[in-house]
Amino acid sequence: MSTFVIAEIGPNHNGSLETALEMVRRLAGSGTNAIKFQLAQPEKVYSAEAFKADYQVRNDGAGSIVEMSRRIQLPREAHWRLLEECHALGILYLCTAFDIESLRFIDQQLDVPMFKVASGELMSIDILEYMAERDKPVLLSTGMSTYEEIESALTILKHRGLKDITLLHCVSNYPAPYKDINLRVISELVRRFGCKVGFSDHSLGSECCLAAVALGATVIEKHVTLDKNMLGPDHKASATIEEFAVLVALIRRVEAALGTSEKRFSNEEDDIRRMSRKSIVAIRTIVAGEIIGADDITFKRPGTGMSPMERDRVLGRRAVRDLAADHVIRAEDVDLS
């Protein structure tokens, strides 16, 4: 199955529809399956006591988290335009909602084909209960979450029979250092919950995504930006569009290399097998009717005759024709009855 790849623009348009559209058009040539945005009503998400994370302070400068959120939001009507552009380019439009009203909008108005639960919303029971009532696939990001919390969220999502749920392993650090990525969690999530599992990546570079695919991730999500040096919370932990396109190409190569569990050989490998394996070879001229002994044979390339593993079938048997010295012995040369 082909890995489902999501380009996460998120808020990296910095509140500009023109920038968002430019990113969509440039991503259209990257090979991505979907482009994802974010939608929130800051006053519905943040209380008076809300504060910025350290990485947001570093990357976004002064101002409250509500002010930051307002600045990097697009109005709802802009998402209609982004949806149209994605569809025109043959790419799925996705959006993460951070409050229940925004979730209703992207579901009932934009009819997103699947839901994404951000790591910070994994315990938001209103969002989970709404999704549980809808017959749409859910991507559940698991950053900052214990296995017990993940199980609680899954219980809510599944209580009305929802089955199409993909857990996304995630480390909620921007950027996340390699030592914290802990990709073996992917296998543990599969073992514990029996769900499809993907990877939402906040690390720099492509290595972690490629390793995740090799470990069985069915979804890869990566943040993208036009410029890592732009003002805004997520740019520095994002890939450029050029880097993202390379990542998608590398993922497709890894998929091809993973292949199947069937042990099979290409025509080229069959040719090399015939060349590099050894056969039973006559040391001396053996006359038809002679009994073949251990001193009469050796093992040499190519592997076009009887395998050395068939030595004991040959020893003590009669040659049915004259066998020239230093030539391969084949099954039809020996009386094996």
Protein backbone atom coordinates (compact mmCIF):
# COMPACT_ATOMS: atom_id res chain seq x y z
CA MET A 1 0.00 0.00 0.00
CA SER A 2 1.30 3.43 -0.94
CA THR A 3 2.16 5.79 1.93
CA PHE A 4 -0.32 8.66 2.24
CA VAL A 5 1.77 11.85 2.35
CA ILE A 6 0.45 15.10 3.81
CA ALA A 7 2.08 18.49 3.31
CA GLU A 8 1.21 20.45 6.45
CA ILE A 9 1.06 24.16 5.62
CA GLY A 10 -0.73 24.79 8.90
CA PRO A 11 -0.26 28.47 9.78
CA ASN A 12 2.88 28.89 7.63
CA HIS A 13 1.01 31.19 5.24
CA ASN A 14 1.18 33.75 8.10
CA GLY A 15 -2.42 34.79 7.50
CA SER A 16 -1.97 35.54 3.79
CA LEU A 17 -4.30 33.81 1.32
CA GLU A 18 -1.95 34.74 -1.53
CA THR A 19 0.94 33.00 0.24
CA ALA A 20 -1.25 29.96 0.94
CA LEU A 21 -2.29 29.71 -2.71
CA GLU A 22 1.30 30.05 -3.86
CA MET A 23 2.28 27.19 -1.55
CA VAL A 24 -0.56 25.00 -2.83
CA ARG A 25 0.46 25.58 -6.45
CA ARG A 26 4.10 24.85 -5.76
CA LEU A 27 3.26 21.76 -3.73
CA ALA A 28 1.17 20.43 -6.60
CA GLY A 29 4.36 19.30 -8.30
CA SER A 30 5.77 17.61 -5.22
CA GLY A 31 3.84 14.37 -5.42
CA THR A 32 2.00 14.94 -2.14
CA ASN A 33 -1.39 13.30 -1.65
CA ALA A 34 -2.88 16.05 0.52
CA ILE A 35 -2.26 19.58 1.73
CA LYS A 36 -3.41 20.46 5.23
CA PHE A 37 -4.26 23.75 6.88
CA GLN A 38 -5.44 24.74 10.36
CA LEU A 39 -8.51 26.63 11.52
CA ALA A 40 -9.26 28.07 14.95
CA GLN A 41 -11.20 30.82 16.65
CA PRO A 42 -8.56 32.11 19.07
CA GLU A 43 -11.12 33.21 21.68
CA LYS A 44 -12.61 29.70 21.62
CA VAL A 45 -9.23 28.02 22.02
CA TYR A 46 -7.30 30.19 24.51
CA SER A 47 -8.36 31.32 27.97
CA ALA A 48 -7.13 34.47 29.69
CA GLU A 49 -4.38 32.36 31.28
CA ALA A 50 -3.06 30.85 28.02
CA PHE A 51 0.60 31.37 27.21
CA LYS A 52 3.12 30.71 24.47
CA ALA A 53 5.43 27.71 24.46
CA ASP A 54 9.13 28.51 24.50
CA TYR A 55 9.54 27.70 20.79
CA GLN A 56 6.68 30.09 19.96
CA VAL A 57 8.36 32.85 21.94
CA ARG A 58 11.66 32.19 20.13
CA ASN A 59 10.15 32.01 16.66
CA ASP A 60 7.32 34.51 16.86
CA GLY A 61 8.63 37.29 19.06
CA ALA A 62 6.51 39.52 21.28
CA GLY A 63 2.77 39.44 21.67
CA SER A 64 0.32 37.11 23.36
CA ILE A 65 -0.63 33.70 22.04
CA VAL A 66 -4.09 35.03 21.15
CA GLU A 67 -2.52 37.86 19.13
CA MET A 68 -0.25 35.38 17.40
CA SER A 69 -3.16 33.08 16.60
CA ARG A 70 -5.24 35.91 15.17
CA ARG A 71 -2.34 37.05 12.99
CA ILE A 72 -1.74 33.64 11.42
CA GLN A 73 -5.40 32.70 10.87
CA LEU A 74 -7.17 32.80 7.55
CA PRO A 75 -10.88 33.71 7.54
CA ARG A 76 -13.30 30.88 6.85
CA GLU A 77 -14.10 32.12 3.36
CA ALA A 78 -10.41 31.80 2.43
CA HIS A 79 -10.62 28.08 3.11
CA TRP A 80 -13.27 27.75 0.40
CA ARG A 81 -10.75 29.21 -2.04
CA LEU A 82 -8.01 26.86 -0.85
CA LEU A 83 -10.36 23.89 -1.16
CA GLU A 84 -11.17 24.85 -4.75
CA GLU A 85 -7.49 25.28 -5.63
CA CYS A 86 -6.53 21.91 -4.14
CA HIS A 87 -9.34 20.15 -5.99
CA ALA A 88 -8.41 21.86 -9.27
CA LEU A 89 -4.86 20.53 -8.86
CA GLY A 90 -5.97 17.01 -7.95
CA ILE A 91 -4.85 17.18 -4.32
CA LEU A 92 -6.92 16.53 -1.20
CA TYR A 93 -7.64 19.55 0.98
CA LEU A 94 -7.43 18.78 4.70
CA CYS A 95 -7.73 21.00 7.75
CA THR A 96 -7.23 20.60 11.48
CA ALA A 97 -9.84 22.32 13.64
CA PHE A 98 -8.97 23.44 17.16
CA ASP A 99 -12.47 24.23 18.44
CA ILE A 100 -15.85 22.60 17.98
CA GLU A 101 -17.34 25.39 15.83
CA SER A 102 -14.38 25.27 13.44
CA LEU A 103 -14.72 21.49 13.31
CA ARG A 104 -18.40 21.74 12.35
CA PHE A 105 -17.49 24.22 9.62
CA ILE A 106 -14.81 22.10 7.96
CA ASP A 107 -17.07 19.04 8.19
CA GLN A 108 -20.48 20.40 7.26
CA GLN A 109 -19.45 23.21 4.92
CA LEU A 110 -16.13 22.12 3.43
CA ASP A 111 -16.86 18.38 3.75
CA VAL A 112 -13.26 17.41 4.48
CA PRO A 113 -12.71 13.74 3.56
CA MET A 114 -11.05 12.93 6.88
CA PHE A 115 -10.50 14.48 10.29
CA LYS A 116 -7.18 15.26 11.96
CA VAL A 117 -6.90 15.48 15.74
CA ALA A 118 -3.90 17.61 16.72
CA SER A 119 -1.78 16.28 19.57
CA GLY A 120 -2.96 19.08 21.84
CA GLU A 121 -6.59 18.11 21.21
CA LEU A 122 -6.23 14.39 22.00
CA MET A 123 -8.07 14.89 25.31
CA SER A 124 -10.65 17.35 23.94
CA ILE A 125 -13.73 15.22 24.52
CA ASP A 126 -16.08 17.52 22.56
CA ILE A 127 -13.97 17.19 19.41
CA LEU A 128 -13.59 13.42 19.82
CA GLU A 129 -17.30 12.87 20.46
CA TYR A 130 -18.24 14.90 17.39
CA MET A 131 -15.90 12.86 15.19
CA ALA A 132 -17.21 9.62 16.67
CA GLU A 133 -20.67 10.51 15.33
CA ARG A 134 -19.40 11.02 11.79
CA ASP A 135 -18.49 8.31 9.30
CA LYS A 136 -15.12 9.75 8.29
CA PRO A 137 -11.56 8.47 8.77
CA VAL A 138 -9.66 10.01 11.67
CA LEU A 139 -5.94 10.78 11.98
CA LEU A 140 -5.12 10.96 15.69
CA SER A 141 -1.81 12.62 16.50
CA THR A 142 -0.30 11.30 19.73
CA GLY A 143 2.40 13.81 20.71
CA MET A 144 2.69 14.43 24.47
CA SER A 145 0.29 11.53 25.12
CA THR A 146 0.72 8.45 27.28
CA TYR A 147 -0.50 5.06 26.09
CA GLU A 148 -3.32 5.34 28.62
CA GLU A 149 -4.41 8.70 27.22
CA ILE A 150 -4.31 7.32 23.68
CA GLU A 151 -6.50 4.42 24.79
CA SER A 152 -9.00 6.84 26.37
CA ALA A 153 -9.23 8.86 23.15
CA LEU A 154 -9.67 5.70 21.08
CA THR A 155 -12.44 4.51 23.36
CA ILE A 156 -14.39 7.71 22.70
CA LEU A 157 -13.79 7.61 18.95
CA LYS A 158 -14.85 3.98 18.73
CA HIS A 159 -17.92 4.06 20.95
CA ARG A 160 -20.25 4.44 17.94
CA GLY A 161 -18.39 1.91 15.83
CA LEU A 162 -15.86 4.15 14.08
CA LYS A 163 -13.16 1.86 12.70
CA ASP A 164 -11.00 3.87 10.29
CA ILE A 165 -8.55 5.44 12.73
CA THR A 166 -4.86 6.01 12.12
CA LEU A 167 -2.62 6.87 15.05
CA LEU A 168 0.19 9.27 14.21
CA HIS A 169 3.33 8.92 16.29
CA CYS A 170 4.51 12.45 17.00
CA VAL A 171 7.02 14.29 19.16
CA SER A 172 5.67 17.74 20.01
CA ASN A 173 8.92 19.65 19.90
CA TYR A 174 9.69 22.22 17.20
CA PRO A 175 12.12 21.09 15.90
CA ALA A 176 12.38 17.67 17.54
CA PRO A 177 15.95 16.37 18.00
CA TYR A 178 16.70 12.88 16.69
CA LYS A 179 17.40 11.55 20.18
CA ASP A 180 13.77 12.26 21.15
CA ILE A 181 12.02 10.84 18.07
CA ASN A 182 11.81 7.24 19.38
CA LEU A 183 10.47 5.70 16.19
CA ARG A 184 10.09 2.28 17.80
CA VAL A 185 6.88 3.68 19.29
CA ILE A 186 5.35 3.06 15.84
CA SER A 187 5.65 -0.71 16.29
CA GLU A 188 4.40 -0.49 19.87
CA LEU A 189 1.30 1.46 18.82
CA VAL A 190 0.50 -1.25 16.28
CA ARG A 191 1.00 -3.95 18.91
CA ARG A 192 -1.08 -2.25 21.60
CA PHE A 193 -3.98 -0.88 19.60
CA GLY A 194 -4.12 -2.82 16.33
CA CYS A 195 -4.60 0.42 14.37
CA LYS A 196 -2.92 1.72 11.30
CA VAL A 197 -0.03 3.93 12.40
CA GLY A 198 1.69 6.86 10.73
CA PHE A 199 4.19 9.56 11.65
CA SER A 200 3.76 13.30 12.05
CA ASP A 201 7.30 14.65 11.80
CA HIS A 202 8.72 17.72 13.50
CA SER A 203 12.38 16.83 13.00
CA LEU A 204 14.73 18.45 10.50
CA GLY A 205 15.62 16.48 7.39
CA SER A 206 14.10 13.39 5.78
CA GLU A 207 15.73 10.59 7.75
CA CYS A 208 13.00 10.08 10.35
CA CYS A 209 10.21 9.98 7.78
CA LEU A 210 12.06 7.41 5.69
CA ALA A 211 12.77 5.26 8.73
CA ALA A 212 9.10 5.51 9.73
CA VAL A 213 8.02 4.24 6.31
CA ALA A 214 10.45 1.34 6.67
CA LEU A 215 8.87 0.59 10.07
CA GLY A 216 5.41 0.41 8.51
CA ALA A 217 4.02 3.96 8.74
CA THR A 218 1.03 4.29 6.42
CA VAL A 219 0.80 8.10 6.70
CA ILE A 220 3.57 10.70 6.73
CA GLU A 221 2.87 14.31 7.66
CA LYS A 222 5.53 17.00 7.33
CA HIS A 223 5.33 20.77 7.86
CA VAL A 224 6.31 22.91 4.86
CA THR A 225 7.25 26.56 4.47
CA LEU A 226 8.38 28.98 1.80
CA ASP A 227 11.16 30.28 4.04
CA LYS A 228 12.44 28.83 7.33
CA ASN A 229 13.47 32.31 8.46
CA MET A 230 9.97 33.83 8.29
CA LEU A 231 8.36 35.13 11.45
CA GLY A 232 5.97 32.55 12.87
CA PRO A 233 5.90 29.60 15.24
CA ASP A 234 6.38 26.65 12.87
CA HIS A 235 8.71 27.78 10.08
CA LYS A 236 11.99 26.63 11.61
CA ALA A 237 10.68 23.09 12.14
CA SER A 238 9.39 22.88 8.56
CA ALA A 239 10.81 21.65 5.27
CA THR A 240 11.03 23.95 2.29
CA ILE A 241 8.84 22.93 -0.62
CA GLU A 242 11.94 21.79 -2.49
CA GLU A 243 13.01 19.64 0.45
CA PHE A 244 9.50 18.26 0.75
CA ALA A 245 9.43 17.23 -2.91
CA VAL A 246 12.70 15.35 -2.43
CA LEU A 247 11.23 13.65 0.64
CA VAL A 248 8.19 12.43 -1.31
CA ALA A 249 10.44 11.02 -4.05
CA LEU A 250 12.58 9.26 -1.43
CA ILE A 251 9.49 7.80 0.25
CA ARG A 252 8.40 6.29 -3.07
CA ARG A 253 11.87 4.78 -3.49
CA VAL A 254 11.75 3.28 -0.01
CA GLU A 255 8.32 1.81 -0.77
CA ALA A 256 9.69 0.22 -3.94
CA ALA A 257 12.66 -1.14 -2.02
CA LEU A 258 10.46 -2.58 0.75
CA GLY A 259 8.61 -4.71 -1.78
CA THR A 260 6.92 -7.78 -0.30
CA SER A 261 7.86 -10.66 2.00
CA GLU A 262 7.94 -13.01 -0.97
CA LYS A 263 11.51 -14.14 -1.85
CA ARG A 264 11.71 -13.53 -5.55
CA PHE A 265 14.42 -12.79 -8.08
CA SER A 266 14.69 -10.40 -10.98
CA ASN A 267 15.94 -11.61 -14.36
CA GLU A 268 19.21 -9.81 -13.64
CA GLU A 269 19.63 -11.59 -10.30
CA ASP A 270 18.82 -14.94 -11.93
CA ASP A 271 21.65 -14.32 -14.42
CA ILE A 272 24.07 -13.46 -11.60
CA ARG A 273 22.91 -16.51 -9.66
CA ARG A 274 23.80 -18.76 -12.64
CA MET A 275 27.17 -17.04 -12.93
CA SER A 276 28.18 -16.91 -9.27
CA ARG A 277 26.90 -20.21 -7.87
CA LYS A 278 29.03 -23.34 -8.25
CA SER A 279 28.26 -26.70 -9.82
CA ILE A 280 29.71 -30.19 -9.50
CA VAL A 281 32.58 -30.36 -12.02
CA ALA A 282 34.56 -33.38 -13.26
CA ILE A 283 38.24 -33.28 -12.23
CA ARG A 284 39.26 -35.82 -14.90
CA THR A 285 37.70 -37.38 -17.95
CA ILE A 286 35.05 -39.82 -16.74
CA VAL A 287 34.11 -42.56 -19.20
CA ALA A 288 30.51 -43.65 -19.62
CA GLY A 289 29.71 -46.50 -17.21
CA GLU A 290 32.35 -45.51 -14.63
CA ILE A 291 31.40 -45.08 -10.98
CA ILE A 292 31.92 -41.49 -9.86
CA GLY A 293 34.00 -41.17 -6.70
CA ALA A 294 34.90 -38.30 -4.39
CA ASP A 295 38.29 -37.87 -6.08
CA ASP A 296 36.59 -37.42 -9.45
CA ILE A 297 34.70 -34.22 -8.72
CA THR A 298 35.16 -30.67 -7.42
CA PHE A 299 33.01 -27.54 -7.19
CA LYS A 300 33.43 -24.63 -9.60
CA ARG A 301 31.45 -21.87 -11.23
CA PRO A 302 29.04 -21.43 -13.04
CA GLY A 303 25.92 -22.71 -11.33
CA THR A 304 24.41 -24.24 -14.47
CA GLY A 305 24.79 -27.88 -13.43
CA MET A 306 24.15 -29.96 -10.34
CA SER A 307 24.53 -28.04 -7.09
CA PRO A 308 27.35 -28.94 -4.68
CA MET A 309 24.53 -29.69 -2.23
CA GLU A 310 23.69 -32.68 -4.50
CA ARG A 311 27.14 -34.22 -4.05
CA ASP A 312 25.84 -37.30 -2.22
CA ARG A 313 23.37 -38.02 -5.03
CA VAL A 314 26.27 -38.20 -7.49
CA LEU A 315 28.87 -40.15 -5.52
CA GLY A 316 28.70 -43.90 -6.22
CA ARG A 317 26.59 -43.40 -9.34
CA ARG A 318 27.51 -44.32 -12.90
CA ALA A 319 28.14 -41.78 -15.64
CA VAL A 320 25.72 -42.34 -18.52
CA ARG A 321 27.99 -40.61 -21.03
CA ASP A 322 31.60 -39.52 -21.30
CA LEU A 323 32.26 -36.47 -19.12
CA ALA A 324 35.11 -34.16 -20.09
CA ALA A 325 37.57 -32.92 -17.49
CA ASP A 326 36.79 -29.49 -15.97
CA HIS A 327 33.22 -29.50 -17.30
CA VAL A 328 30.00 -29.10 -15.40
CA ILE A 329 28.07 -32.27 -14.50
CA ARG A 330 24.32 -32.11 -15.08
CA ALA A 331 21.58 -34.40 -13.80
CA GLU A 332 21.18 -36.05 -17.20
CA ASP A 333 24.89 -37.04 -17.15
CA VAL A 334 24.45 -39.39 -14.19
CA ASP A 335 22.28 -42.46 -13.53
CA LEU A 336 20.34 -41.19 -10.51
CA SER A 337 17.75 -43.98 -10.51
